Amino acid sequence: MLPKRFRSIKPEIRVLGIDDGEFVPRTRGTVNVVGVVYRGGCWFEGVMRTAITIDGLDATEKIAAMIESSPFHGEIRVVVLDGVTFAGFNVVDISKLSLRVDLAVISVVREKPDLEEIRSALKNLPDFEIRWRAMENAGKIFEVETRKGENPVYIHLAGIVLDDAKKILKQTSTHSLIPEALRVAHIIASGLSRSRENI
């Protein structure tokens, strides 16, 4: 799918930030995935949730279904993920996700991914080819400064051009290096994980 160029990027553009909760590595089960909708980087609008399998292959499908079933689907313009690996090595194919939900997708991480290290780790899991193809579908890694004078973040893109992604990230990263929707999604997902442990 060719990336779309935004005609205009309004300050209150609706962004969906998605992150997963904490879990014990090399265990079986599921992990909460939380989506938080923000208008720009200032106005919290809503939450959505799903669950994916630890080291599974269902992240792309489950996240797509979560977005499609949300009442916010028609209003969201951009999906921002915390990286492309969720619940261990359950890899999100951002190209497939973007095409399925018809939205721009940006994957954001604070540290540059070591692709060779990831490739080696994926070889220890079943269906290596499927997982690695999803990694390759993320495309080129770009270094972007979201807050002037601070450390850059590293992004993958699907369905959006780099210039538009930079503008959106700068506009929505109001309290940290990452968009506010993603920062709050991380807080909620982590809180749900801790609550689950205390049940």
N, C-alpha and C. Protein backbone atom coordinates (compact mmCIF):
# COMPACT_ATOMS: atom_id res chain seq x y z
N MET A 1 0.83 -1.18 0.00
CA MET A 1 0.00 0.00 0.00
C MET A 1 0.88 1.24 0.00
N LEU A 2 0.61 2.17 -0.92
CA LEU A 2 1.38 3.40 -0.97
C LEU A 2 1.00 4.30 0.20
N PRO A 3 1.99 4.97 0.81
CA PRO A 3 1.66 5.86 1.93
C PRO A 3 0.81 7.03 1.49
N LYS A 4 -0.12 7.43 2.35
CA LYS A 4 -0.98 8.57 2.07
C LYS A 4 -0.37 9.83 2.67
N ARG A 5 -0.56 10.93 1.99
CA ARG A 5 -0.13 12.22 2.54
C ARG A 5 -1.35 12.92 3.14
N PHE A 6 -1.19 13.44 4.34
CA PHE A 6 -2.28 14.15 5.00
C PHE A 6 -2.45 15.52 4.34
N ARG A 7 -3.71 15.91 4.07
CA ARG A 7 -3.95 17.24 3.51
C ARG A 7 -3.62 18.31 4.54
N SER A 8 -3.99 18.04 5.78
CA SER A 8 -3.65 18.95 6.87
C SER A 8 -3.54 18.14 8.15
N ILE A 9 -2.70 18.60 9.05
CA ILE A 9 -2.53 17.93 10.34
C ILE A 9 -2.95 18.91 11.42
N LYS A 10 -4.15 18.72 11.94
CA LYS A 10 -4.70 19.64 12.93
C LYS A 10 -4.11 19.35 14.31
N PRO A 11 -4.04 20.37 15.17
CA PRO A 11 -3.51 20.16 16.53
C PRO A 11 -4.29 19.10 17.30
N GLU A 12 -5.60 18.96 16.99
CA GLU A 12 -6.43 18.00 17.73
C GLU A 12 -6.61 16.68 16.99
N ILE A 13 -5.68 16.33 16.09
CA ILE A 13 -5.75 15.07 15.37
C ILE A 13 -5.90 13.91 16.35
N ARG A 14 -6.81 12.98 16.04
CA ARG A 14 -7.05 11.86 16.96
C ARG A 14 -6.02 10.75 16.71
N VAL A 15 -5.32 10.41 17.79
CA VAL A 15 -4.26 9.42 17.75
C VAL A 15 -4.61 8.28 18.70
N LEU A 16 -4.40 7.06 18.25
CA LEU A 16 -4.58 5.88 19.10
C LEU A 16 -3.22 5.33 19.47
N GLY A 17 -2.88 5.36 20.75
CA GLY A 17 -1.63 4.77 21.23
C GLY A 17 -1.89 3.38 21.77
N ILE A 18 -1.03 2.41 21.41
CA ILE A 18 -1.24 1.01 21.81
C ILE A 18 0.02 0.44 22.43
N ASP A 19 -0.16 -0.15 23.63
CA ASP A 19 0.97 -0.81 24.32
C ASP A 19 0.45 -2.04 25.03
N ASP A 20 1.37 -2.96 25.34
CA ASP A 20 0.99 -4.17 26.05
C ASP A 20 1.40 -4.09 27.51
N GLY A 21 0.82 -4.97 28.31
CA GLY A 21 1.12 -5.01 29.74
C GLY A 21 2.35 -5.86 30.03
N GLU A 22 2.67 -5.93 31.31
CA GLU A 22 3.82 -6.71 31.76
C GLU A 22 3.45 -8.19 31.81
N PHE A 23 4.46 -9.04 31.69
CA PHE A 23 4.24 -10.48 31.76
C PHE A 23 5.55 -11.16 32.10
N VAL A 24 5.46 -12.44 32.47
CA VAL A 24 6.66 -13.21 32.79
C VAL A 24 7.14 -13.89 31.51
N PRO A 25 8.38 -13.58 31.06
CA PRO A 25 8.89 -14.20 29.82
C PRO A 25 8.92 -15.73 29.91
N ARG A 26 8.81 -16.35 28.74
CA ARG A 26 8.85 -17.81 28.60
C ARG A 26 7.76 -18.51 29.42
N THR A 27 6.60 -17.87 29.53
CA THR A 27 5.45 -18.51 30.16
C THR A 27 4.33 -18.59 29.11
N ARG A 28 3.28 -19.29 29.44
CA ARG A 28 2.13 -19.39 28.54
C ARG A 28 1.03 -18.48 29.05
N GLY A 29 0.14 -18.14 28.14
CA GLY A 29 -0.98 -17.30 28.55
C GLY A 29 -1.15 -16.11 27.63
N THR A 30 -1.89 -15.13 28.12
CA THR A 30 -2.16 -13.93 27.34
C THR A 30 -1.71 -12.68 28.08
N VAL A 31 -1.60 -11.61 27.32
CA VAL A 31 -1.19 -10.32 27.86
C VAL A 31 -2.20 -9.26 27.41
N ASN A 32 -2.55 -8.36 28.33
CA ASN A 32 -3.43 -7.26 27.97
C ASN A 32 -2.75 -6.32 26.98
N VAL A 33 -3.51 -5.87 26.01
CA VAL A 33 -3.07 -4.81 25.11
C VAL A 33 -4.08 -3.68 25.23
N VAL A 34 -3.60 -2.48 25.50
CA VAL A 34 -4.48 -1.34 25.76
C VAL A 34 -4.29 -0.28 24.68
N GLY A 35 -5.41 0.25 24.20
CA GLY A 35 -5.38 1.37 23.27
C GLY A 35 -5.98 2.60 23.94
N VAL A 36 -5.32 3.72 23.78
CA VAL A 36 -5.79 4.98 24.36
C VAL A 36 -5.93 6.01 23.24
N VAL A 37 -7.08 6.65 23.20
CA VAL A 37 -7.35 7.66 22.17
C VAL A 37 -7.15 9.05 22.77
N TYR A 38 -6.36 9.86 22.07
CA TYR A 38 -6.14 11.25 22.45
C TYR A 38 -6.46 12.14 21.27
N ARG A 39 -6.95 13.32 21.56
CA ARG A 39 -7.02 14.37 20.54
C ARG A 39 -5.76 15.20 20.70
N GLY A 40 -4.88 15.11 19.69
CA GLY A 40 -3.58 15.75 19.80
C GLY A 40 -2.80 15.14 20.94
N GLY A 41 -2.10 15.98 21.69
CA GLY A 41 -1.35 15.48 22.84
C GLY A 41 -1.91 15.98 24.15
N CYS A 42 -3.17 16.44 24.14
CA CYS A 42 -3.72 17.10 25.33
C CYS A 42 -5.02 16.52 25.85
N TRP A 43 -5.89 16.01 24.95
CA TRP A 43 -7.24 15.64 25.38
C TRP A 43 -7.45 14.14 25.32
N PHE A 44 -7.59 13.54 26.50
CA PHE A 44 -7.88 12.11 26.61
C PHE A 44 -9.33 11.87 26.22
N GLU A 45 -9.56 10.84 25.37
CA GLU A 45 -10.93 10.59 24.91
C GLU A 45 -11.47 9.21 25.22
N GLY A 46 -10.63 8.19 25.28
CA GLY A 46 -11.18 6.87 25.55
C GLY A 46 -10.14 5.77 25.58
N VAL A 47 -10.61 4.58 25.95
CA VAL A 47 -9.73 3.41 26.11
C VAL A 47 -10.37 2.20 25.44
N MET A 48 -9.54 1.32 24.92
CA MET A 48 -9.99 0.03 24.40
C MET A 48 -9.00 -1.04 24.84
N ARG A 49 -9.43 -2.29 24.83
CA ARG A 49 -8.56 -3.36 25.32
C ARG A 49 -8.78 -4.65 24.55
N THR A 50 -7.70 -5.42 24.42
CA THR A 50 -7.79 -6.78 23.91
C THR A 50 -6.72 -7.59 24.64
N ALA A 51 -6.57 -8.84 24.25
CA ALA A 51 -5.53 -9.69 24.84
C ALA A 51 -4.90 -10.51 23.73
N ILE A 52 -3.58 -10.69 23.80
CA ILE A 52 -2.87 -11.48 22.79
C ILE A 52 -2.03 -12.54 23.48
N THR A 53 -1.62 -13.54 22.71
CA THR A 53 -0.88 -14.68 23.23
C THR A 53 0.60 -14.36 23.38
N ILE A 54 1.16 -14.76 24.51
CA ILE A 54 2.60 -14.58 24.72
C ILE A 54 3.36 -15.36 23.64
N ASP A 55 4.26 -14.67 22.93
CA ASP A 55 5.05 -15.26 21.85
C ASP A 55 4.18 -15.91 20.76
N GLY A 56 2.96 -15.41 20.62
CA GLY A 56 2.05 -15.98 19.63
C GLY A 56 2.15 -15.32 18.27
N LEU A 57 1.09 -15.50 17.48
CA LEU A 57 1.05 -14.97 16.12
C LEU A 57 -0.23 -14.16 15.87
N ASP A 58 -0.90 -13.76 16.95
CA ASP A 58 -2.22 -13.15 16.80
C ASP A 58 -2.26 -11.64 17.03
N ALA A 59 -1.11 -10.99 17.20
CA ALA A 59 -1.11 -9.56 17.55
C ALA A 59 -1.75 -8.69 16.47
N THR A 60 -1.39 -8.91 15.22
CA THR A 60 -1.93 -8.09 14.13
C THR A 60 -3.44 -8.22 14.05
N GLU A 61 -3.94 -9.44 14.08
CA GLU A 61 -5.38 -9.71 13.98
C GLU A 61 -6.13 -9.14 15.18
N LYS A 62 -5.63 -9.38 16.39
CA LYS A 62 -6.35 -8.94 17.59
C LYS A 62 -6.38 -7.41 17.69
N ILE A 63 -5.27 -6.76 17.35
CA ILE A 63 -5.23 -5.30 17.41
C ILE A 63 -6.15 -4.70 16.34
N ALA A 64 -6.14 -5.29 15.15
CA ALA A 64 -7.02 -4.82 14.08
C ALA A 64 -8.49 -4.94 14.51
N ALA A 65 -8.85 -6.08 15.08
CA ALA A 65 -10.23 -6.31 15.51
C ALA A 65 -10.62 -5.35 16.62
N MET A 66 -9.68 -5.07 17.53
CA MET A 66 -9.94 -4.11 18.61
C MET A 66 -10.26 -2.73 18.05
N ILE A 67 -9.49 -2.31 17.06
CA ILE A 67 -9.70 -0.99 16.45
C ILE A 67 -11.03 -0.95 15.70
N GLU A 68 -11.29 -1.99 14.91
CA GLU A 68 -12.51 -2.04 14.10
C GLU A 68 -13.78 -2.04 14.94
N SER A 69 -13.72 -2.66 16.11
CA SER A 69 -14.91 -2.75 16.96
C SER A 69 -15.07 -1.54 17.88
N SER A 70 -14.11 -0.64 17.86
CA SER A 70 -14.16 0.53 18.74
C SER A 70 -15.08 1.61 18.18
N PRO A 71 -15.82 2.32 19.04
CA PRO A 71 -16.64 3.43 18.57
C PRO A 71 -15.81 4.60 18.04
N PHE A 72 -14.49 4.57 18.31
CA PHE A 72 -13.60 5.64 17.86
C PHE A 72 -13.03 5.39 16.47
N HIS A 73 -13.28 4.21 15.89
CA HIS A 73 -12.61 3.82 14.64
C HIS A 73 -12.74 4.88 13.54
N GLY A 74 -13.93 5.43 13.39
CA GLY A 74 -14.16 6.40 12.32
C GLY A 74 -13.51 7.75 12.56
N GLU A 75 -13.02 7.99 13.78
CA GLU A 75 -12.45 9.29 14.12
C GLU A 75 -10.92 9.28 14.21
N ILE A 76 -10.35 8.09 14.44
CA ILE A 76 -8.90 7.97 14.57
C ILE A 76 -8.23 8.23 13.23
N ARG A 77 -7.13 8.95 13.24
CA ARG A 77 -6.37 9.20 12.01
C ARG A 77 -5.04 8.44 11.98
N VAL A 78 -4.47 8.18 13.17
CA VAL A 78 -3.15 7.56 13.24
C VAL A 78 -3.11 6.57 14.40
N VAL A 79 -2.48 5.41 14.16
CA VAL A 79 -2.23 4.43 15.21
C VAL A 79 -0.74 4.47 15.54
N VAL A 80 -0.42 4.59 16.83
CA VAL A 80 0.98 4.62 17.26
C VAL A 80 1.22 3.43 18.18
N LEU A 81 2.14 2.57 17.79
CA LEU A 81 2.46 1.37 18.55
C LEU A 81 3.77 1.53 19.31
N ASP A 82 3.87 0.83 20.44
CA ASP A 82 5.14 0.77 21.16
C ASP A 82 5.97 -0.36 20.55
N GLY A 83 6.67 -0.04 19.46
CA GLY A 83 7.44 -1.06 18.75
C GLY A 83 6.55 -1.96 17.92
N VAL A 84 7.13 -3.03 17.38
CA VAL A 84 6.36 -3.98 16.58
C VAL A 84 6.27 -5.35 17.25
N THR A 85 6.99 -5.54 18.36
CA THR A 85 6.91 -6.81 19.08
C THR A 85 6.13 -6.61 20.37
N PHE A 86 5.08 -7.40 20.53
CA PHE A 86 4.23 -7.35 21.71
C PHE A 86 4.23 -8.71 22.40
N ALA A 87 4.01 -8.71 23.70
CA ALA A 87 3.90 -9.98 24.45
C ALA A 87 5.06 -10.92 24.10
N GLY A 88 6.26 -10.41 24.23
CA GLY A 88 7.45 -11.17 23.84
C GLY A 88 7.73 -10.95 22.38
N PHE A 89 7.54 -11.99 21.57
CA PHE A 89 7.81 -11.88 20.13
C PHE A 89 6.57 -12.17 19.30
N ASN A 90 5.45 -11.62 19.73
CA ASN A 90 4.22 -11.64 18.94
C ASN A 90 4.29 -10.39 18.07
N VAL A 91 4.75 -10.57 16.83
CA VAL A 91 5.11 -9.43 15.97
C VAL A 91 3.89 -8.87 15.25
N VAL A 92 3.73 -7.55 15.33
CA VAL A 92 2.66 -6.86 14.59
C VAL A 92 3.18 -6.54 13.18
N ASP A 93 2.47 -6.99 12.17
CA ASP A 93 2.80 -6.63 10.79
C ASP A 93 2.12 -5.29 10.52
N ILE A 94 2.88 -4.20 10.64
CA ILE A 94 2.26 -2.87 10.56
C ILE A 94 1.72 -2.57 9.17
N SER A 95 2.29 -3.17 8.14
CA SER A 95 1.76 -2.97 6.79
C SER A 95 0.38 -3.59 6.66
N LYS A 96 0.22 -4.82 7.16
CA LYS A 96 -1.08 -5.49 7.12
C LYS A 96 -2.09 -4.76 8.01
N LEU A 97 -1.64 -4.29 9.17
CA LEU A 97 -2.52 -3.58 10.09
C LEU A 97 -3.03 -2.30 9.45
N SER A 98 -2.14 -1.54 8.84
CA SER A 98 -2.52 -0.28 8.19
C SER A 98 -3.55 -0.52 7.09
N LEU A 99 -3.30 -1.54 6.29
CA LEU A 99 -4.21 -1.87 5.19
C LEU A 99 -5.57 -2.32 5.70
N ARG A 100 -5.56 -3.15 6.74
CA ARG A 100 -6.80 -3.70 7.29
C ARG A 100 -7.70 -2.61 7.89
N VAL A 101 -7.12 -1.70 8.69
CA VAL A 101 -7.95 -0.70 9.38
C VAL A 101 -8.00 0.62 8.62
N ASP A 102 -7.27 0.70 7.50
CA ASP A 102 -7.24 1.89 6.65
C ASP A 102 -6.81 3.13 7.44
N LEU A 103 -5.72 2.98 8.19
CA LEU A 103 -5.16 4.07 8.98
C LEU A 103 -3.64 4.07 8.88
N ALA A 104 -3.07 5.25 9.06
CA ALA A 104 -1.61 5.34 9.15
C ALA A 104 -1.15 4.66 10.44
N VAL A 105 -0.02 3.96 10.38
CA VAL A 105 0.54 3.30 11.56
C VAL A 105 1.99 3.73 11.73
N ILE A 106 2.31 4.14 12.96
CA ILE A 106 3.68 4.51 13.30
C ILE A 106 4.10 3.66 14.50
N SER A 107 5.22 2.96 14.36
CA SER A 107 5.80 2.22 15.49
C SER A 107 6.93 3.06 16.06
N VAL A 108 6.92 3.26 17.38
CA VAL A 108 7.89 4.14 18.04
C VAL A 108 8.63 3.39 19.14
N VAL A 109 9.95 3.50 19.15
CA VAL A 109 10.75 2.97 20.27
C VAL A 109 11.82 4.00 20.64
N ARG A 110 12.25 3.97 21.88
CA ARG A 110 13.23 4.94 22.37
C ARG A 110 14.66 4.58 21.98
N GLU A 111 14.92 3.27 21.80
CA GLU A 111 16.27 2.81 21.45
C GLU A 111 16.23 2.12 20.10
N LYS A 112 17.27 2.32 19.30
CA LYS A 112 17.32 1.74 17.97
C LYS A 112 17.33 0.21 18.04
N PRO A 113 16.39 -0.44 17.37
CA PRO A 113 16.33 -1.91 17.43
C PRO A 113 17.57 -2.55 16.79
N ASP A 114 18.05 -3.62 17.41
CA ASP A 114 19.14 -4.42 16.85
C ASP A 114 18.49 -5.57 16.08
N LEU A 115 18.36 -5.40 14.77
CA LEU A 115 17.62 -6.37 13.97
C LEU A 115 18.27 -7.75 13.95
N GLU A 116 19.58 -7.79 14.00
CA GLU A 116 20.26 -9.10 14.02
C GLU A 116 19.97 -9.84 15.32
N GLU A 117 19.93 -9.09 16.41
CA GLU A 117 19.62 -9.70 17.71
C GLU A 117 18.18 -10.21 17.72
N ILE A 118 17.28 -9.42 17.14
CA ILE A 118 15.87 -9.84 17.06
C ILE A 118 15.73 -11.08 16.18
N ARG A 119 16.44 -11.06 15.05
CA ARG A 119 16.37 -12.22 14.13
C ARG A 119 16.84 -13.49 14.83
N SER A 120 17.92 -13.39 15.60
CA SER A 120 18.45 -14.55 16.32
C SER A 120 17.44 -15.06 17.35
N ALA A 121 16.79 -14.13 18.04
CA ALA A 121 15.79 -14.52 19.05
C ALA A 121 14.58 -15.19 18.39
N LEU A 122 14.16 -14.67 17.26
CA LEU A 122 13.00 -15.23 16.57
C LEU A 122 13.26 -16.66 16.08
N LYS A 123 14.50 -16.98 15.81
CA LYS A 123 14.85 -18.33 15.33
C LYS A 123 14.59 -19.38 16.40
N ASN A 124 14.47 -18.96 17.66
CA ASN A 124 14.20 -19.90 18.75
C ASN A 124 12.71 -20.21 18.90
N LEU A 125 11.90 -19.57 18.08
CA LEU A 125 10.45 -19.75 18.18
C LEU A 125 9.92 -20.45 16.93
N PRO A 126 8.74 -21.10 17.05
CA PRO A 126 8.13 -21.69 15.85
C PRO A 126 7.71 -20.60 14.87
N ASP A 127 7.54 -20.97 13.62
CA ASP A 127 7.07 -20.05 12.58
C ASP A 127 7.98 -18.83 12.42
N PHE A 128 9.29 -19.10 12.43
CA PHE A 128 10.27 -18.02 12.29
C PHE A 128 10.01 -17.18 11.05
N GLU A 129 9.71 -17.84 9.91
CA GLU A 129 9.54 -17.11 8.64
C GLU A 129 8.41 -16.10 8.72
N ILE A 130 7.30 -16.49 9.35
CA ILE A 130 6.15 -15.59 9.47
C ILE A 130 6.51 -14.38 10.32
N ARG A 131 7.19 -14.63 11.42
CA ARG A 131 7.57 -13.54 12.33
C ARG A 131 8.58 -12.61 11.65
N TRP A 132 9.56 -13.19 10.99
CA TRP A 132 10.58 -12.35 10.37
C TRP A 132 10.01 -11.55 9.19
N ARG A 133 9.07 -12.15 8.46
CA ARG A 133 8.44 -11.42 7.36
C ARG A 133 7.69 -10.20 7.89
N ALA A 134 7.06 -10.34 9.04
CA ALA A 134 6.36 -9.20 9.65
C ALA A 134 7.36 -8.11 10.05
N MET A 135 8.52 -8.53 10.54
CA MET A 135 9.58 -7.56 10.87
C MET A 135 10.04 -6.83 9.61
N GLU A 136 10.26 -7.59 8.54
CA GLU A 136 10.71 -6.98 7.29
C GLU A 136 9.66 -6.03 6.72
N ASN A 137 8.39 -6.37 6.90
CA ASN A 137 7.31 -5.53 6.39
C ASN A 137 7.23 -4.18 7.09
N ALA A 138 7.92 -4.07 8.23
CA ALA A 138 7.95 -2.77 8.93
C ALA A 138 8.78 -1.76 8.15
N GLY A 139 9.66 -2.25 7.28
CA GLY A 139 10.43 -1.35 6.43
C GLY A 139 11.60 -0.68 7.14
N LYS A 140 12.00 0.44 6.61
CA LYS A 140 13.18 1.17 7.09
C LYS A 140 12.94 1.79 8.46
N ILE A 141 14.01 1.86 9.26
CA ILE A 141 13.95 2.55 10.55
C ILE A 141 14.39 3.99 10.34
N PHE A 142 13.60 4.93 10.88
CA PHE A 142 13.94 6.36 10.80
C PHE A 142 14.22 6.90 12.19
N GLU A 143 15.20 7.78 12.28
CA GLU A 143 15.50 8.47 13.53
C GLU A 143 14.80 9.83 13.51
N VAL A 144 14.01 10.12 14.56
CA VAL A 144 13.20 11.34 14.59
C VAL A 144 13.36 12.04 15.93
N GLU A 145 13.51 13.35 15.88
CA GLU A 145 13.54 14.16 17.11
C GLU A 145 12.12 14.64 17.39
N THR A 146 11.56 14.26 18.54
CA THR A 146 10.19 14.67 18.86
C THR A 146 10.17 15.91 19.77
N ARG A 147 11.22 16.09 20.55
CA ARG A 147 11.32 17.25 21.44
C ARG A 147 12.69 17.88 21.26
N LYS A 148 12.70 19.15 20.94
CA LYS A 148 13.94 19.84 20.58
C LYS A 148 14.99 19.71 21.67
N GLY A 149 16.21 19.32 21.23
CA GLY A 149 17.33 19.23 22.15
C GLY A 149 17.38 17.97 22.98
N GLU A 150 16.42 17.05 22.77
CA GLU A 150 16.41 15.80 23.54
C GLU A 150 16.73 14.62 22.63
N ASN A 151 16.87 13.44 23.23
CA ASN A 151 17.22 12.24 22.46
C ASN A 151 16.18 11.94 21.39
N PRO A 152 16.61 11.37 20.28
CA PRO A 152 15.64 10.99 19.23
C PRO A 152 14.90 9.72 19.60
N VAL A 153 13.84 9.42 18.84
CA VAL A 153 13.19 8.12 18.91
C VAL A 153 13.37 7.47 17.54
N TYR A 154 13.03 6.18 17.47
CA TYR A 154 13.20 5.43 16.22
C TYR A 154 11.85 4.88 15.79
N ILE A 155 11.54 5.06 14.51
CA ILE A 155 10.19 4.73 14.05
C ILE A 155 10.19 3.87 12.78
N HIS A 156 9.13 3.08 12.66
CA HIS A 156 8.77 2.40 11.42
C HIS A 156 7.43 2.99 10.97
N LEU A 157 7.18 2.98 9.67
CA LEU A 157 5.97 3.61 9.15
C LEU A 157 5.21 2.68 8.21
N ALA A 158 3.88 2.83 8.22
CA ALA A 158 3.03 2.16 7.23
C ALA A 158 1.85 3.08 6.93
N GLY A 159 1.62 3.35 5.66
CA GLY A 159 0.48 4.16 5.25
C GLY A 159 0.63 5.64 5.51
N ILE A 160 1.85 6.12 5.70
CA ILE A 160 2.08 7.53 5.99
C ILE A 160 3.49 7.91 5.52
N VAL A 161 3.65 9.13 5.04
CA VAL A 161 4.97 9.60 4.62
C VAL A 161 5.73 10.13 5.83
N LEU A 162 7.05 10.12 5.73
CA LEU A 162 7.91 10.49 6.85
C LEU A 162 7.65 11.91 7.35
N ASP A 163 7.50 12.87 6.47
CA ASP A 163 7.29 14.26 6.90
C ASP A 163 6.04 14.41 7.74
N ASP A 164 4.95 13.75 7.33
CA ASP A 164 3.72 13.81 8.11
C ASP A 164 3.88 13.13 9.46
N ALA A 165 4.58 11.98 9.47
CA ALA A 165 4.81 11.27 10.72
C ALA A 165 5.59 12.14 11.70
N LYS A 166 6.60 12.83 11.20
CA LYS A 166 7.40 13.72 12.07
C LYS A 166 6.53 14.81 12.69
N LYS A 167 5.68 15.42 11.87
CA LYS A 167 4.81 16.50 12.36
C LYS A 167 3.86 15.99 13.44
N ILE A 168 3.28 14.82 13.20
CA ILE A 168 2.32 14.26 14.15
C ILE A 168 3.02 13.90 15.46
N LEU A 169 4.20 13.30 15.37
CA LEU A 169 4.92 12.92 16.58
C LEU A 169 5.31 14.15 17.40
N LYS A 170 5.79 15.19 16.74
CA LYS A 170 6.17 16.41 17.45
C LYS A 170 4.97 17.08 18.10
N GLN A 171 3.84 17.06 17.41
CA GLN A 171 2.62 17.70 17.91
C GLN A 171 2.02 16.98 19.10
N THR A 172 2.17 15.66 19.14
CA THR A 172 1.48 14.87 20.16
C THR A 172 2.38 14.42 21.31
N SER A 173 3.69 14.64 21.20
CA SER A 173 4.62 14.27 22.28
C SER A 173 4.75 15.45 23.25
N THR A 174 3.71 15.66 24.04
CA THR A 174 3.63 16.87 24.86
C THR A 174 4.34 16.76 26.21
N HIS A 175 4.44 15.53 26.75
CA HIS A 175 5.02 15.39 28.09
C HIS A 175 6.23 14.46 28.14
N SER A 176 6.57 13.87 27.00
CA SER A 176 7.73 12.96 26.96
C SER A 176 8.19 12.84 25.52
N LEU A 177 9.09 11.92 25.25
CA LEU A 177 9.63 11.73 23.90
C LEU A 177 8.64 11.01 22.98
N ILE A 178 7.59 10.43 23.55
CA ILE A 178 6.62 9.68 22.76
C ILE A 178 5.24 10.33 22.85
N PRO A 179 4.35 10.06 21.89
CA PRO A 179 3.01 10.66 21.92
C PRO A 179 2.29 10.36 23.23
N GLU A 180 1.52 11.33 23.68
CA GLU A 180 0.82 11.20 24.97
C GLU A 180 -0.11 10.00 24.99
N ALA A 181 -0.76 9.70 23.88
CA ALA A 181 -1.64 8.52 23.82
C ALA A 181 -0.87 7.24 24.12
N LEU A 182 0.35 7.14 23.62
CA LEU A 182 1.17 5.96 23.84
C LEU A 182 1.68 5.91 25.28
N ARG A 183 2.07 7.05 25.81
CA ARG A 183 2.56 7.12 27.20
C ARG A 183 1.47 6.67 28.17
N VAL A 184 0.25 7.14 27.96
CA VAL A 184 -0.86 6.78 28.85
C VAL A 184 -1.28 5.32 28.65
N ALA A 185 -1.23 4.82 27.42
CA ALA A 185 -1.53 3.41 27.16
C ALA A 185 -0.58 2.51 27.94
N HIS A 186 0.69 2.91 27.99
CA HIS A 186 1.69 2.14 28.75
C HIS A 186 1.35 2.12 30.24
N ILE A 187 0.97 3.26 30.78
CA ILE A 187 0.63 3.36 32.20
C ILE A 187 -0.57 2.46 32.53
N ILE A 188 -1.61 2.53 31.70
CA ILE A 188 -2.81 1.73 31.97
C ILE A 188 -2.53 0.24 31.81
N ALA A 189 -1.83 -0.14 30.75
CA ALA A 189 -1.53 -1.56 30.52
C ALA A 189 -0.69 -2.13 31.66
N SER A 190 0.28 -1.36 32.14
CA SER A 190 1.12 -1.80 33.26
C SER A 190 0.28 -1.93 34.52
N GLY A 191 -0.63 -0.98 34.75
CA GLY A 191 -1.49 -1.04 35.93
C GLY A 191 -2.41 -2.24 35.91
N LEU A 192 -2.96 -2.58 34.74
CA LEU A 192 -3.82 -3.75 34.63
C LEU A 192 -3.04 -5.03 34.93
N SER A 193 -1.80 -5.10 34.49
CA SER A 193 -0.96 -6.28 34.74
C SER A 193 -0.72 -6.46 36.23
N ARG A 194 -0.41 -5.36 36.92
CA ARG A 194 -0.15 -5.45 38.35
C ARG A 194 -1.42 -5.82 39.12
N SER A 195 -2.56 -5.28 38.68
CA SER A 195 -3.84 -5.61 39.32
C SER A 195 -4.15 -7.09 39.17
N ARG A 196 -3.86 -7.62 37.99
CA ARG A 196 -4.13 -9.03 37.71
C ARG A 196 -3.29 -9.92 38.62
N GLU A 197 -2.04 -9.51 38.88
CA GLU A 197 -1.15 -10.29 39.74
C GLU A 197 -1.65 -10.31 41.17
N ASN A 198 -2.37 -9.27 41.60
CA ASN A 198 -2.81 -9.17 42.98
C ASN A 198 -4.17 -9.81 43.24
N ILE A 199 -4.81 -10.33 42.16
CA ILE A 199 -6.13 -10.95 42.33
C ILE A 199 -5.98 -12.29 43.07
